Amino acid sequence: MLPDFYHNHLIKIRTLSEYLITLILVKLLNVYREVKLEELANKFPLPIIFASRRKKIMRFLEVPILTIETIWLPIVKAWLPLIFDNQEKVHIVIDRTQWRSINLIMVSLIINKRGIPLYFELLDHTGSSDFELQVKILSQVFSVLKNYQIVVLGEARILFS
């Protein structure tokens, strides 16, 4: 279900147990399209009681290595040469959005008029982001894209007084 480069990366950084739990959770998310912990625990295929399955998933999700920088960005770095030539032009977009009380800033790679998330960060404040924060967020993905020509797209705000 996952491409080989996902498996190659995940098996290197996780224990066998964590690797298998990752595969099971990805499968459950793909099949049932549920992200509620209780629903995942209910469907998790281990012959233990529900509360134990729930705790196992919670402990797994709290593992400190489970970050964008250690899991997702290395996978993206392995994937990019499969779709782009070295020094090819790539378009990324940075956007801040708020959904209810969740305020986040995201960087996505544009491929075939679709955005593939590269990096995101939850913001601890409401409202827009400043230039310093945007540079900080973009710097997280520049190392992954260093072999390509990068075009950054974003919203421009012009203030008149």
Protein backbone atom coordinates (compact mmCIF):
# COMPACT_ATOMS: atom_id res chain seq x y z
CA MET A 1 0.00 0.00 0.00
CA LEU A 2 2.91 2.37 0.69
CA PRO A 3 5.72 2.95 -1.79
CA ASP A 4 9.06 1.28 -1.05
CA PHE A 5 10.79 4.53 -0.07
CA TYR A 6 8.24 4.96 2.77
CA HIS A 7 9.03 1.47 4.04
CA ASN A 8 12.78 1.97 3.65
CA HIS A 9 12.71 5.12 5.75
CA LEU A 10 10.24 3.97 8.39
CA ILE A 11 11.98 0.66 9.08
CA LYS A 12 15.27 2.52 9.69
CA ILE A 13 13.93 4.92 12.31
CA ARG A 14 11.31 2.83 14.11
CA THR A 15 11.40 -0.38 16.10
CA LEU A 16 9.73 -3.33 14.38
CA SER A 17 6.71 -2.97 16.68
CA GLU A 18 6.38 0.77 15.94
CA TYR A 19 6.84 0.14 12.23
CA LEU A 20 4.02 -2.43 12.23
CA ILE A 21 1.74 -0.15 14.24
CA THR A 22 2.45 2.61 11.69
CA LEU A 23 1.43 0.32 8.82
CA ILE A 24 -1.73 -0.77 10.64
CA LEU A 25 -2.75 2.83 11.43
CA VAL A 26 -2.12 3.95 7.84
CA LYS A 27 -4.27 1.07 6.60
CA LEU A 28 -7.06 1.88 9.08
CA LEU A 29 -7.00 5.57 8.14
CA ASN A 30 -7.10 4.69 4.46
CA VAL A 31 -9.91 2.15 4.73
CA TYR A 32 -12.17 3.79 7.33
CA ARG A 33 -11.22 7.45 6.84
CA GLU A 34 -11.57 8.05 10.58
CA VAL A 35 -9.13 9.99 12.71
CA LYS A 36 -10.91 9.68 16.04
CA LEU A 37 -8.81 7.78 18.54
CA GLU A 38 -11.77 5.75 19.80
CA GLU A 39 -12.73 4.67 16.28
CA LEU A 40 -9.16 3.66 15.45
CA ALA A 41 -8.83 1.73 18.72
CA ASN A 42 -12.14 0.00 18.05
CA LYS A 43 -10.91 -1.22 14.66
CA PHE A 44 -7.27 -1.88 15.66
CA PRO A 45 -6.65 -5.62 15.04
CA LEU A 46 -5.10 -6.66 18.35
CA PRO A 47 -6.75 -9.32 20.57
CA ILE A 48 -6.72 -7.11 23.67
CA ILE A 49 -9.47 -5.09 25.33
CA PHE A 50 -10.53 -1.76 23.87
CA ALA A 51 -8.94 0.34 26.64
CA SER A 52 -5.57 -1.35 26.07
CA ARG A 53 -5.75 -0.80 22.29
CA ARG A 54 -6.61 2.85 22.92
CA LYS A 55 -3.66 3.26 25.32
CA LYS A 56 -1.31 1.52 22.88
CA ILE A 57 -2.27 3.93 20.08
CA MET A 58 -1.99 6.94 22.41
CA ARG A 59 1.49 5.90 23.58
CA PHE A 60 2.52 5.32 19.97
CA LEU A 61 1.35 8.80 18.92
CA GLU A 62 3.30 10.38 21.79
CA VAL A 63 6.66 8.95 20.66
CA PRO A 64 9.00 11.98 20.31
CA ILE A 65 10.40 10.77 16.97
CA LEU A 66 6.95 11.11 15.40
CA THR A 67 7.52 14.55 13.84
CA ILE A 68 7.33 16.10 10.42
CA GLU A 69 11.11 16.55 10.39
CA THR A 70 11.93 12.91 11.19
CA ILE A 71 9.13 11.12 9.35
CA TRP A 72 7.65 13.19 6.54
CA LEU A 73 10.45 15.40 5.22
CA PRO A 74 12.90 12.49 4.64
CA ILE A 75 10.15 10.65 2.75
CA VAL A 76 9.52 13.74 0.60
CA LYS A 77 13.27 14.06 -0.02
CA ALA A 78 13.37 10.45 -1.29
CA TRP A 79 10.24 10.98 -3.41
CA LEU A 80 11.21 14.22 -5.17
CA PRO A 81 13.91 12.72 -7.45
CA LEU A 82 11.31 10.25 -8.71
CA ILE A 83 9.17 13.06 -10.13
CA PHE A 84 11.56 15.98 -10.71
CA ASP A 85 14.90 16.22 -12.47
CA ASN A 86 17.84 17.78 -10.65
CA GLN A 87 17.69 21.60 -10.80
CA GLU A 88 14.13 21.50 -12.19
CA LYS A 89 11.85 24.37 -11.18
CA VAL A 90 9.44 23.51 -8.35
CA HIS A 91 6.60 25.69 -7.10
CA ILE A 92 5.75 25.85 -3.42
CA VAL A 93 3.06 27.88 -1.76
CA ILE A 94 2.93 29.22 1.77
CA ASP A 95 -0.44 29.92 3.28
CA ARG A 96 -1.85 30.65 6.69
CA THR A 97 -5.36 29.57 7.49
CA GLN A 98 -7.67 29.44 10.46
CA TRP A 99 -10.34 26.86 11.04
CA ARG A 100 -12.34 27.52 14.19
CA SER A 101 -9.70 27.82 16.93
CA ILE A 102 -6.97 26.12 14.87
CA ASN A 103 -4.55 28.56 13.27
CA LEU A 104 -1.83 27.08 11.09
CA ILE A 105 0.70 27.96 8.47
CA MET A 106 1.47 25.46 5.73
CA VAL A 107 3.95 25.02 2.90
CA SER A 108 2.80 22.85 0.00
CA LEU A 109 4.40 21.64 -3.21
CA ILE A 110 2.31 22.28 -6.32
CA ILE A 111 2.07 19.32 -8.70
CA ASN A 112 -0.56 19.11 -11.46
CA LYS A 113 -2.60 21.93 -9.90
CA ARG A 114 -2.67 20.15 -6.53
CA GLY A 115 -0.95 21.04 -3.28
CA ILE A 116 1.08 18.31 -1.58
CA PRO A 117 1.72 19.31 2.06
CA LEU A 118 5.40 19.57 2.88
CA TYR A 119 5.39 21.24 6.26
CA PHE A 120 2.96 22.88 8.66
CA GLU A 121 3.04 24.44 12.06
CA LEU A 122 0.23 25.19 14.47
CA LEU A 123 0.33 28.83 15.54
CA ASP A 124 -0.29 29.83 19.13
CA HIS A 125 -1.95 33.08 18.12
CA THR A 126 -4.91 34.11 15.99
CA GLY A 127 -4.61 36.19 12.86
CA SER A 128 -2.00 36.43 10.17
CA SER A 129 1.69 35.53 10.19
CA ASP A 130 4.58 37.95 9.91
CA PHE A 131 7.55 37.83 7.55
CA GLU A 132 9.93 36.38 10.17
CA LEU A 133 7.61 33.44 10.82
CA GLN A 134 7.17 32.83 7.09
CA VAL A 135 10.96 32.74 6.60
CA LYS A 136 11.30 30.35 9.55
CA ILE A 137 8.64 28.02 8.12
CA LEU A 138 10.08 28.16 4.59
CA SER A 139 13.56 27.34 5.90
CA GLN A 140 12.19 24.00 7.11
CA VAL A 141 11.54 22.89 3.52
CA PHE A 142 14.40 24.61 1.70
CA SER A 143 16.88 21.92 2.81
CA VAL A 144 14.63 19.27 1.26
CA LEU A 145 14.37 21.27 -1.97
CA LYS A 146 18.04 22.31 -2.24
CA ASN A 147 18.55 20.37 -5.51
CA TYR A 148 15.78 22.30 -7.28
CA GLN A 149 15.00 25.81 -8.41
CA ILE A 150 12.36 27.05 -5.96
CA VAL A 151 9.53 29.42 -6.79
CA VAL A 152 7.66 30.55 -3.67
CA LEU A 153 4.05 31.61 -4.09
CA GLY A 154 2.07 33.35 -1.39
CA GLU A 155 -0.40 36.02 -0.61
CA ALA A 156 0.79 39.58 -0.84
CA ARG A 157 -0.75 42.17 1.42
CA ILE A 158 -0.36 45.78 0.44
CA LEU A 159 -1.16 48.24 3.18
CA PHE A 160 -2.20 51.80 2.38
CA SER A 161 -2.29 54.53 4.93
